[in-house]
Amino acid sequence: MPEVGARRRLRGRVGAFSVLAPVGSFAGKGTLRVLRVRGDEERVELTCGYESYTPIEARDSK
């Protein structure tokens, strides 16, 4: 599910938000999607990631 849709459905209950990314210098490409949801009825933690990542060096060299 896209991250924006998840936050709308959770209506302000997101207490923690993190984005997984590869080690190094990368730019996220595509939609930011929810990978994991943890929590209870009051507080929810979202772990998200992009559909793909591009090394920044490769992007800058074009």
N, C-alpha and C. Protein backbone atom coordinates (compact mmCIF):
# COMPACT_ATOMS: atom_id res chain seq x y z
N MET A 1 0.84 -1.17 0.00
CA MET A 1 0.00 0.00 0.00
C MET A 1 0.89 1.24 0.00
N PRO A 2 0.56 2.24 -0.79
CA PRO A 2 1.32 3.49 -0.75
C PRO A 2 1.26 4.11 0.65
N GLU A 3 2.36 4.74 1.05
CA GLU A 3 2.48 5.33 2.38
C GLU A 3 1.41 6.38 2.64
N VAL A 4 1.10 7.20 1.66
CA VAL A 4 0.10 8.26 1.83
C VAL A 4 -1.27 7.64 2.15
N GLY A 5 -1.63 6.58 1.45
CA GLY A 5 -2.90 5.90 1.71
C GLY A 5 -2.95 5.30 3.10
N ALA A 6 -1.84 4.74 3.55
CA ALA A 6 -1.79 4.16 4.90
C ALA A 6 -1.98 5.23 5.97
N ARG A 7 -1.30 6.37 5.81
CA ARG A 7 -1.46 7.44 6.80
C ARG A 7 -2.88 7.97 6.82
N ARG A 8 -3.52 8.06 5.66
CA ARG A 8 -4.92 8.52 5.62
C ARG A 8 -5.83 7.55 6.37
N ARG A 9 -5.63 6.26 6.14
CA ARG A 9 -6.47 5.26 6.82
C ARG A 9 -6.23 5.23 8.32
N LEU A 10 -5.01 5.49 8.74
CA LEU A 10 -4.68 5.45 10.17
C LEU A 10 -5.09 6.72 10.90
N ARG A 11 -5.44 7.76 10.18
CA ARG A 11 -5.99 9.00 10.74
C ARG A 11 -5.23 9.54 11.95
N GLY A 12 -3.95 9.81 11.77
CA GLY A 12 -3.18 10.45 12.84
C GLY A 12 -2.64 9.53 13.90
N ARG A 13 -2.79 8.23 13.76
CA ARG A 13 -2.30 7.30 14.78
C ARG A 13 -0.85 6.87 14.56
N VAL A 14 -0.21 7.38 13.52
CA VAL A 14 1.18 7.01 13.24
C VAL A 14 2.08 7.70 14.26
N GLY A 15 2.72 6.90 15.11
CA GLY A 15 3.60 7.43 16.13
C GLY A 15 5.06 7.39 15.73
N ALA A 16 5.39 6.49 14.80
CA ALA A 16 6.77 6.38 14.33
C ALA A 16 6.75 6.04 12.85
N PHE A 17 7.71 6.60 12.14
CA PHE A 17 7.78 6.43 10.69
C PHE A 17 9.25 6.27 10.32
N SER A 18 9.60 5.20 9.61
CA SER A 18 10.98 5.03 9.17
C SER A 18 10.99 4.56 7.72
N VAL A 19 12.07 4.92 7.03
CA VAL A 19 12.24 4.54 5.63
C VAL A 19 13.50 3.68 5.52
N LEU A 20 13.34 2.48 4.98
CA LEU A 20 14.49 1.62 4.72
C LEU A 20 15.16 2.06 3.44
N ALA A 21 16.48 2.07 3.44
CA ALA A 21 17.24 2.46 2.25
C ALA A 21 18.54 1.67 2.22
N PRO A 22 19.07 1.45 1.03
CA PRO A 22 20.35 0.75 0.94
C PRO A 22 21.48 1.61 1.52
N VAL A 23 22.57 0.95 1.90
CA VAL A 23 23.74 1.66 2.42
C VAL A 23 24.42 2.39 1.26
N GLY A 24 24.77 3.63 1.47
CA GLY A 24 25.43 4.42 0.44
C GLY A 24 24.56 5.60 0.04
N SER A 25 24.90 6.19 -1.10
CA SER A 25 24.17 7.36 -1.61
C SER A 25 23.22 6.92 -2.72
N PHE A 26 21.94 6.85 -2.38
CA PHE A 26 20.92 6.41 -3.32
C PHE A 26 19.73 7.35 -3.27
N ALA A 27 19.06 7.49 -4.39
CA ALA A 27 17.82 8.25 -4.47
C ALA A 27 16.67 7.27 -4.65
N GLY A 28 15.63 7.42 -3.85
CA GLY A 28 14.46 6.56 -3.98
C GLY A 28 13.68 6.90 -5.23
N LYS A 29 13.21 5.86 -5.93
CA LYS A 29 12.43 6.06 -7.16
C LYS A 29 11.09 5.37 -7.00
N GLY A 30 10.06 5.96 -7.57
CA GLY A 30 8.75 5.36 -7.53
C GLY A 30 7.98 5.75 -6.29
N THR A 31 7.02 4.93 -5.97
CA THR A 31 6.12 5.19 -4.85
C THR A 31 6.73 4.71 -3.54
N LEU A 32 6.58 5.50 -2.50
CA LEU A 32 6.98 5.09 -1.16
C LEU A 32 5.88 4.19 -0.63
N ARG A 33 6.22 2.92 -0.33
CA ARG A 33 5.23 1.93 0.07
C ARG A 33 5.47 1.42 1.48
N VAL A 34 4.39 1.04 2.15
CA VAL A 34 4.48 0.47 3.49
C VAL A 34 4.97 -0.98 3.37
N LEU A 35 6.03 -1.29 4.11
CA LEU A 35 6.59 -2.63 4.13
C LEU A 35 6.18 -3.40 5.38
N ARG A 36 6.00 -2.67 6.50
CA ARG A 36 5.64 -3.32 7.76
C ARG A 36 4.85 -2.34 8.61
N VAL A 37 3.86 -2.87 9.32
CA VAL A 37 3.04 -2.10 10.25
C VAL A 37 3.08 -2.81 11.59
N ARG A 38 3.38 -2.07 12.64
CA ARG A 38 3.38 -2.61 13.99
C ARG A 38 2.64 -1.63 14.89
N GLY A 39 2.06 -2.14 15.96
CA GLY A 39 1.44 -1.24 16.92
C GLY A 39 0.15 -1.77 17.48
N ASP A 40 -0.59 -0.86 18.09
CA ASP A 40 -1.87 -1.19 18.69
C ASP A 40 -2.90 -0.16 18.23
N GLU A 41 -4.03 -0.09 18.91
CA GLU A 41 -5.10 0.81 18.49
C GLU A 41 -4.77 2.29 18.66
N GLU A 42 -3.81 2.61 19.56
CA GLU A 42 -3.48 4.01 19.82
C GLU A 42 -2.29 4.52 19.02
N ARG A 43 -1.28 3.68 18.84
CA ARG A 43 -0.02 4.12 18.21
C ARG A 43 0.45 3.07 17.21
N VAL A 44 0.81 3.52 16.02
CA VAL A 44 1.23 2.61 14.96
C VAL A 44 2.60 3.04 14.45
N GLU A 45 3.45 2.06 14.16
CA GLU A 45 4.76 2.30 13.57
C GLU A 45 4.74 1.81 12.13
N LEU A 46 5.13 2.68 11.19
CA LEU A 46 5.21 2.31 9.78
C LEU A 46 6.67 2.22 9.36
N THR A 47 7.01 1.15 8.67
CA THR A 47 8.31 1.01 8.03
C THR A 47 8.05 0.99 6.53
N CYS A 48 8.69 1.90 5.81
CA CYS A 48 8.41 2.07 4.39
C CYS A 48 9.67 1.95 3.55
N GLY A 49 9.48 1.80 2.26
CA GLY A 49 10.60 1.75 1.31
C GLY A 49 10.10 2.14 -0.07
N TYR A 50 11.01 2.62 -0.89
CA TYR A 50 10.66 2.98 -2.27
C TYR A 50 10.63 1.75 -3.15
N GLU A 51 10.00 1.87 -4.31
CA GLU A 51 9.91 0.75 -5.25
C GLU A 51 11.28 0.35 -5.77
N SER A 52 12.17 1.33 -5.95
CA SER A 52 13.54 1.05 -6.38
C SER A 52 14.44 2.20 -5.95
N TYR A 53 15.73 1.98 -6.08
CA TYR A 53 16.72 3.00 -5.70
C TYR A 53 17.75 3.12 -6.81
N THR A 54 18.22 4.33 -7.05
CA THR A 54 19.23 4.60 -8.06
C THR A 54 20.44 5.22 -7.37
N PRO A 55 21.63 4.71 -7.65
CA PRO A 55 22.83 5.35 -7.08
C PRO A 55 22.91 6.81 -7.52
N ILE A 56 23.22 7.69 -6.62
CA ILE A 56 23.28 9.11 -6.95
C ILE A 56 24.39 9.39 -7.96
N GLU A 57 25.51 8.69 -7.87
CA GLU A 57 26.61 8.89 -8.81
C GLU A 57 26.14 8.62 -10.24
N ALA A 58 25.36 7.57 -10.45
CA ALA A 58 24.87 7.23 -11.78
C ALA A 58 23.91 8.29 -12.29
N ARG A 59 23.09 8.83 -11.43
CA ARG A 59 22.14 9.86 -11.82
C ARG A 59 22.86 11.15 -12.19
N ASP A 60 23.90 11.53 -11.42
CA ASP A 60 24.62 12.77 -11.64
C ASP A 60 25.52 12.73 -12.87
N SER A 61 25.94 11.54 -13.31
CA SER A 61 26.88 11.44 -14.41
C SER A 61 26.22 11.57 -15.77
N LYS A 62 24.89 11.61 -15.83
CA LYS A 62 24.19 11.71 -17.12
C LYS A 62 24.02 13.14 -17.55
